[in-house]
Protein backbone atom coordinates (compact mmCIF):
# COMPACT_ATOMS: atom_id res chain seq x y z
CA UNK A 1 -29.02 46.85 98.96
CA UNK A 2 -28.36 46.76 95.22
CA UNK A 3 -27.65 50.10 93.64
CA UNK A 4 -27.90 50.48 89.87
CA UNK A 5 -26.50 53.72 88.52
CA UNK A 6 -26.86 54.85 84.92
CA UNK A 7 -24.77 57.91 84.17
CA UNK A 8 -25.51 60.38 81.40
CA UNK A 9 -22.97 60.69 78.61
CA UNK A 10 -21.75 64.05 79.88
CA UNK A 11 -20.77 62.66 83.26
CA UNK A 12 -20.16 58.93 82.90
CA UNK A 13 -17.16 59.04 80.57
CA UNK A 14 -14.20 60.03 82.70
CA UNK A 15 -10.44 59.80 82.50
CA UNK A 16 -9.97 57.52 85.46
CA UNK A 17 -11.99 55.55 87.92
CA UNK A 18 -12.93 57.40 91.09
CA UNK A 19 -10.32 55.64 93.19
CA UNK A 20 -7.65 56.44 90.62
CA UNK A 21 -8.59 60.13 90.58
CA UNK A 22 -8.52 60.36 94.37
CA UNK A 23 -5.22 58.50 94.55
CA UNK A 24 -3.48 60.70 91.99
CA UNK A 25 -4.90 63.95 93.38
CA UNK A 26 -3.86 63.02 96.91
CA UNK A 27 -0.34 61.92 95.97
CA UNK A 28 1.13 65.01 97.62
CA UNK A 29 -1.07 64.43 100.68
CA UNK A 30 0.47 60.97 101.03
CA UNK A 31 3.93 62.57 100.85
CA UNK A 32 2.96 65.12 103.50
CA UNK A 33 1.58 62.38 105.77
CA UNK A 34 4.81 60.40 105.39
CA UNK A 35 6.92 63.46 106.21
CA UNK A 36 4.74 64.27 109.24
CA UNK A 37 5.10 60.74 110.61
CA UNK A 38 8.87 60.90 110.17
CA UNK A 39 9.03 64.30 111.82
CA UNK A 40 6.97 63.18 114.83
CA UNK A 41 9.35 60.25 115.31
CA UNK A 42 11.96 62.81 116.33
CA UNK A 43 15.74 62.63 116.25
CA UNK A 44 17.35 61.57 112.99
CA UNK A 45 13.92 60.92 111.47
CA UNK A 46 12.99 64.56 112.00
CA UNK A 47 16.21 65.74 110.32
CA UNK A 48 15.58 63.40 107.41
CA UNK A 49 12.01 64.68 107.08
CA UNK A 50 13.25 68.29 106.89
CA UNK A 51 15.83 67.35 104.26
CA UNK A 52 13.24 65.48 102.19
CA UNK A 53 10.82 68.41 102.50
CA UNK A 54 13.47 70.83 101.19
CA UNK A 55 14.52 68.43 98.45
CA UNK A 56 10.97 67.97 97.13
CA UNK A 57 10.34 71.71 97.14
CA UNK A 58 13.60 72.48 95.36
CA UNK A 59 13.13 70.01 92.47
CA UNK A 60 11.33 72.51 90.16
CA UNK A 61 13.82 75.24 91.14
CA UNK A 62 16.73 72.93 90.30
CA UNK A 63 15.11 72.18 86.94
CA UNK A 64 14.83 75.91 86.22
CA UNK A 65 18.50 76.46 87.08
CA UNK A 66 19.60 73.57 84.84
CA UNK A 67 17.57 74.95 81.93
CA UNK A 68 19.16 78.37 82.44
CA UNK A 69 22.68 76.89 82.52
CA UNK A 70 22.03 74.92 79.33
CA UNK A 71 20.48 77.99 77.70
CA UNK A 72 17.26 76.10 77.02
CA UNK A 73 14.95 78.24 79.16
CA UNK A 74 11.71 79.48 77.61
CA UNK A 75 9.00 81.76 79.02
CA UNK A 76 6.92 78.84 80.33
CA UNK A 77 9.82 77.73 82.55
CA UNK A 78 9.24 80.66 84.92
CA UNK A 79 6.26 78.66 86.20
CA UNK A 80 8.80 76.30 87.78
CA UNK A 81 9.61 79.04 90.29
CA UNK A 82 5.95 79.29 91.19
CA UNK A 83 5.70 75.50 91.39
CA UNK A 84 8.55 75.39 93.90
CA UNK A 85 6.82 78.01 96.05
CA UNK A 86 3.50 76.15 95.84
CA UNK A 87 5.19 72.88 96.84
CA UNK A 88 6.91 74.43 99.86
CA UNK A 89 3.80 76.22 101.10
CA UNK A 90 1.30 73.50 100.17
CA UNK A 91 3.17 70.54 101.65
CA UNK A 92 3.94 72.53 104.81
CA UNK A 93 0.23 73.32 105.20
CA UNK A 94 -0.66 69.63 104.75
CA UNK A 95 1.98 68.60 107.30
CA UNK A 96 0.60 71.16 109.78
CA UNK A 97 -3.15 71.43 108.95
CA UNK A 98 -3.88 72.97 112.34
CA UNK A 99 -2.42 76.29 111.21
CA UNK A 100 -5.02 76.51 108.45
CA UNK A 101 -8.08 74.80 109.91
CA UNK A 102 -7.71 76.37 113.36
CA UNK A 103 -10.92 74.91 114.80
CA UNK A 104 -13.00 75.50 111.66
CA UNK A 105 -15.49 72.62 111.70
CA UNK A 106 -16.43 73.20 108.06
CA UNK A 107 -12.93 72.39 106.81
CA UNK A 108 -11.47 68.94 107.44
CA UNK A 109 -7.89 67.85 106.89
CA UNK A 110 -9.01 65.68 103.96
CA UNK A 111 -10.68 68.68 102.30
CA UNK A 112 -7.57 70.76 102.85
CA UNK A 113 -5.31 68.06 101.42
CA UNK A 114 -7.49 67.66 98.34
CA UNK A 115 -7.65 71.42 97.76
CA UNK A 116 -3.88 71.93 98.07
CA UNK A 117 -3.08 68.85 95.97
CA UNK A 118 -5.44 70.09 93.26
CA UNK A 119 -3.65 73.45 93.17
CA UNK A 120 -0.24 71.76 92.88
CA UNK A 121 -1.43 69.49 90.07
CA UNK A 122 -3.04 72.47 88.32
CA UNK A 123 0.24 74.41 88.30
CA UNK A 124 2.12 71.31 87.13
CA UNK A 125 -0.39 70.61 84.33
CA UNK A 126 -0.38 74.26 83.26
CA UNK A 127 3.41 74.24 83.03
CA UNK A 128 3.46 70.96 81.08
CA UNK A 129 0.95 72.20 78.50
CA UNK A 130 2.62 75.59 78.02
CA UNK A 131 6.07 73.98 77.81
CA UNK A 132 4.95 71.48 75.18
CA UNK A 133 3.08 74.07 73.09
CA UNK A 134 5.96 76.54 73.12
CA UNK A 135 8.51 73.82 72.38
CA UNK A 136 6.50 72.54 69.41
CA UNK A 137 6.09 76.09 68.07
CA UNK A 138 9.88 76.53 67.92
CA UNK A 139 10.76 73.00 66.77
CA UNK A 140 11.36 71.49 63.34
CA UNK A 141 9.88 68.13 62.29
CA UNK A 142 12.68 66.07 63.86
CA UNK A 143 12.45 67.97 67.15
CA UNK A 144 8.68 67.48 67.16
CA UNK A 145 9.18 63.72 66.91
CA UNK A 146 11.66 63.95 69.81
CA UNK A 147 9.02 65.81 71.83
CA UNK A 148 6.50 63.07 71.01
CA UNK A 149 9.00 60.48 72.28
CA UNK A 150 9.29 62.36 75.57
CA UNK A 151 5.50 62.57 75.88
CA UNK A 152 5.29 58.82 75.27
CA UNK A 153 7.81 58.20 78.06
CA UNK A 154 5.84 60.42 80.46
CA UNK A 155 2.55 58.66 79.67
CA UNK A 156 4.10 55.20 80.10
CA UNK A 157 5.67 56.12 83.44
CA UNK A 158 2.48 57.81 84.64
CA UNK A 159 0.30 54.85 83.62
CA UNK A 160 2.60 52.41 85.41
CA UNK A 161 2.72 54.69 88.47
CA UNK A 162 -1.07 54.81 88.70
CA UNK A 163 -1.36 51.01 88.55
CA UNK A 164 1.45 50.23 91.02
CA UNK A 165 1.20 53.16 93.45
CA UNK A 166 -2.51 54.02 93.33
CA UNK A 167 -4.75 51.21 92.09
CA UNK A 168 -2.90 48.29 93.71
CA UNK A 169 -2.79 49.90 97.20
CA UNK A 170 -6.45 50.88 96.75
CA UNK A 171 -7.27 47.24 95.98
CA UNK A 172 -5.51 46.07 99.16
CA UNK A 173 -7.23 48.75 101.23
CA UNK A 174 -10.65 47.91 99.78
CA UNK A 175 -10.32 44.20 100.49
CA UNK A 176 -9.27 44.92 104.07
CA UNK A 177 -12.17 47.31 104.58
CA UNK A 178 -14.71 44.90 103.08
CA UNK A 179 -13.50 41.88 105.04
CA UNK A 180 -16.95 41.27 106.51
CA UNK A 181 -19.00 42.42 103.52
CA UNK A 182 -20.77 40.37 100.84
CA UNK A 183 -18.89 37.25 99.60
CA UNK A 184 -18.33 38.58 96.08
CA UNK A 185 -16.88 41.98 96.99
CA UNK A 186 -13.25 40.93 97.33
CA UNK A 187 -13.24 38.93 94.12
CA UNK A 188 -15.01 41.69 92.19
CA UNK A 189 -12.44 44.25 93.34
CA UNK A 190 -9.71 41.98 91.97
CA UNK A 191 -11.55 41.60 88.65
CA UNK A 192 -11.92 45.38 88.29
CA UNK A 193 -8.22 45.77 88.97
CA UNK A 194 -7.41 43.17 86.31
CA UNK A 195 -9.57 45.03 83.77
CA UNK A 196 -7.75 48.26 84.60
CA UNK A 197 -4.40 46.48 84.40
CA UNK A 198 -5.24 45.09 80.95
CA UNK A 199 -6.22 48.56 79.70
CA UNK A 200 -2.97 50.01 81.00
CA UNK A 201 -0.94 47.17 79.47
CA UNK A 202 -2.57 47.76 76.08
CA UNK A 203 -1.74 51.47 76.21
CA UNK A 204 1.88 50.79 77.18
CA UNK A 205 2.18 48.14 74.46
CA UNK A 206 0.97 50.55 71.78
CA UNK A 207 3.12 53.42 73.07
CA UNK A 208 6.27 51.30 73.10
CA UNK A 209 5.67 50.46 69.45
CA UNK A 210 4.98 54.13 68.83
CA UNK A 211 8.31 55.02 70.42
CA UNK A 212 10.09 52.63 68.06
CA UNK A 213 8.23 54.17 65.13
CA UNK A 214 9.43 57.63 66.20
CA UNK A 215 13.03 56.39 66.08
CA UNK A 216 12.44 55.04 62.58
CA UNK A 217 10.83 58.32 61.45
CA UNK A 218 13.87 60.27 62.64
CA UNK A 219 16.15 58.01 60.58
CA UNK A 220 14.00 58.08 57.43
CA UNK A 221 10.38 59.19 57.46
CA UNK A 222 9.41 57.46 54.21
CA UNK A 223 11.51 54.30 54.34
CA UNK A 224 9.83 50.93 53.78
CA UNK A 225 10.69 49.96 57.35
CA UNK A 226 8.97 53.07 58.73
CA UNK A 227 5.80 52.43 56.70
CA UNK A 228 5.82 48.76 57.74
CA UNK A 229 6.14 49.74 61.41
CA UNK A 230 3.36 52.31 60.95
CA UNK A 231 1.05 49.69 59.47
CA UNK A 232 1.82 47.29 62.32
CA UNK A 233 1.16 50.03 64.86
CA UNK A 234 -2.10 50.88 63.12
CA UNK A 235 -3.29 47.28 63.43
CA UNK A 236 -2.10 47.11 67.04
CA UNK A 237 -3.98 50.30 67.94
CA UNK A 238 -7.15 49.07 66.26
CA UNK A 239 -6.95 45.75 68.11
CA UNK A 240 -6.30 47.47 71.45
CA UNK A 241 -9.30 49.77 71.00
CA UNK A 242 -11.52 46.77 70.19
CA UNK A 243 -10.31 44.87 73.27
CA UNK A 244 -10.96 47.87 75.55
CA UNK A 245 -14.52 48.31 74.30
CA UNK A 246 -15.23 44.58 74.67
CA UNK A 247 -13.77 44.58 78.20
CA UNK A 248 -16.07 47.42 79.23
CA UNK A 249 -19.07 45.51 77.89
CA UNK A 250 -17.91 42.31 79.58
CA UNK A 251 -17.57 44.10 82.91
CA UNK A 252 -21.25 45.06 83.01
CA UNK A 253 -22.41 41.66 81.74
CA UNK A 254 -20.31 39.81 84.34
CA UNK A 255 -21.55 42.09 87.10
CA UNK A 256 -25.12 41.36 86.07
CA UNK A 257 -24.64 37.65 86.83
CA UNK A 258 -22.92 38.13 90.20
CA UNK A 259 -24.78 41.21 91.46
CA UNK A 260 -26.55 39.20 94.17
CA UNK A 261 -23.18 38.51 95.81
CA UNK A 262 -22.12 42.18 95.83
CA UNK A 263 -22.90 44.78 98.46
CA UNK A 264 -22.89 47.49 95.80
CA UNK A 265 -23.49 46.74 92.12
CA UNK A 266 -22.43 49.78 90.13
CA UNK A 267 -23.50 49.65 86.48
CA UNK A 268 -22.01 52.36 84.31
CA UNK A 269 -22.28 53.17 80.64
CA UNK A 270 -18.69 54.32 80.35
CA UNK A 271 -15.53 53.90 78.36
CA UNK A 272 -11.82 54.15 79.32
CA UNK A 273 -11.59 57.55 77.61
CA UNK A 274 -8.00 58.29 78.67
CA UNK A 275 -6.69 55.13 77.04
CA UNK A 276 -8.97 55.37 74.01
CA UNK A 277 -7.92 58.94 73.22
CA UNK A 278 -4.26 57.90 73.19
CA UNK A 279 -4.91 54.89 70.97
CA UNK A 280 -7.17 56.76 68.54
CA UNK A 281 -4.60 59.56 68.14
CA UNK A 282 -1.87 56.99 67.47
CA UNK A 283 -4.11 55.15 64.99
CA UNK A 284 -4.95 58.35 63.09
CA UNK A 285 -1.30 59.44 63.05
CA UNK A 286 0.06 56.24 61.57
CA UNK A 287 -2.74 56.05 58.99
CA UNK A 288 -1.94 59.60 57.92
CA UNK A 289 1.75 58.69 57.60
CA UNK A 290 0.92 55.80 55.27
CA UNK A 291 -1.31 58.03 53.10
CA UNK A 292 1.41 60.71 52.94
CA UNK A 293 3.87 58.07 51.77
CA UNK A 294 1.48 56.96 49.01
CA UNK A 295 0.94 60.55 47.85
CA UNK A 296 4.70 61.19 47.80
CA UNK A 297 5.32 58.08 45.69
CA UNK A 298 2.54 59.10 43.29
CA UNK A 299 4.01 62.60 42.92
CA UNK A 300 7.51 61.17 42.39
CA UNK A 301 6.19 58.95 39.59
CA UNK A 302 5.18 62.04 37.59
CA UNK A 303 8.63 63.59 37.85
């Protein structure tokens, strides 16, 4: 049965595809499942599982201690203590769901895992935002650029993680599940993955150039090399945005021609908002840098 779904603008534009969201949200559930399987194996595996459980829970606490030793602790860092507690309690509950569910038919282990993982991610996101805002408030222009470089590194690593550890395993799982489905399902899943991979590659490409621009800005904000790199990055961002929009259009057009071979044709009026936001911000930033350079040169000419 063909299913055509048109989403309203308020709900269709999302940060990630559904499978990506579920994969990222359930990352801690996958860790808990892995630790449970190791623990049930007994012997040395059980000891290793306990050690890994303690290590994961102590990571935020260790970060807090390091910040205190280096005298770089700020108020937002106290959330790391809460994050450690949430990790210990949350992962333990996911490893032993019976203690929480206790025969309650309305709550499944999947629901419990999603709820706990959401809480962990919420604490982590809250800490990241507060840490960045407070750091920027106390930083000078050079330190702000350094913070931007760190954010770029985090986004690149996260984007690569989602592709390799979430989307690729989801592709394999989908093809195994749909082994006896319509003839076009397996190939279409691969095509969707390729589209997602291209979007991620474009983002990483632009961010790597942005990282190099940050290094040049730190050396000399208004040097000819910096402005040249900014102009190149501006063109790169514009091209990447154009490619992403065309890919989204191509996806629906291609699906239209092969929909009779698919068990579920899902047409969406959507855009890769996560990637587009990053590229648009980069594009606006580098354009502003070039204009600031022109204004500075004009002011210098009057002196």
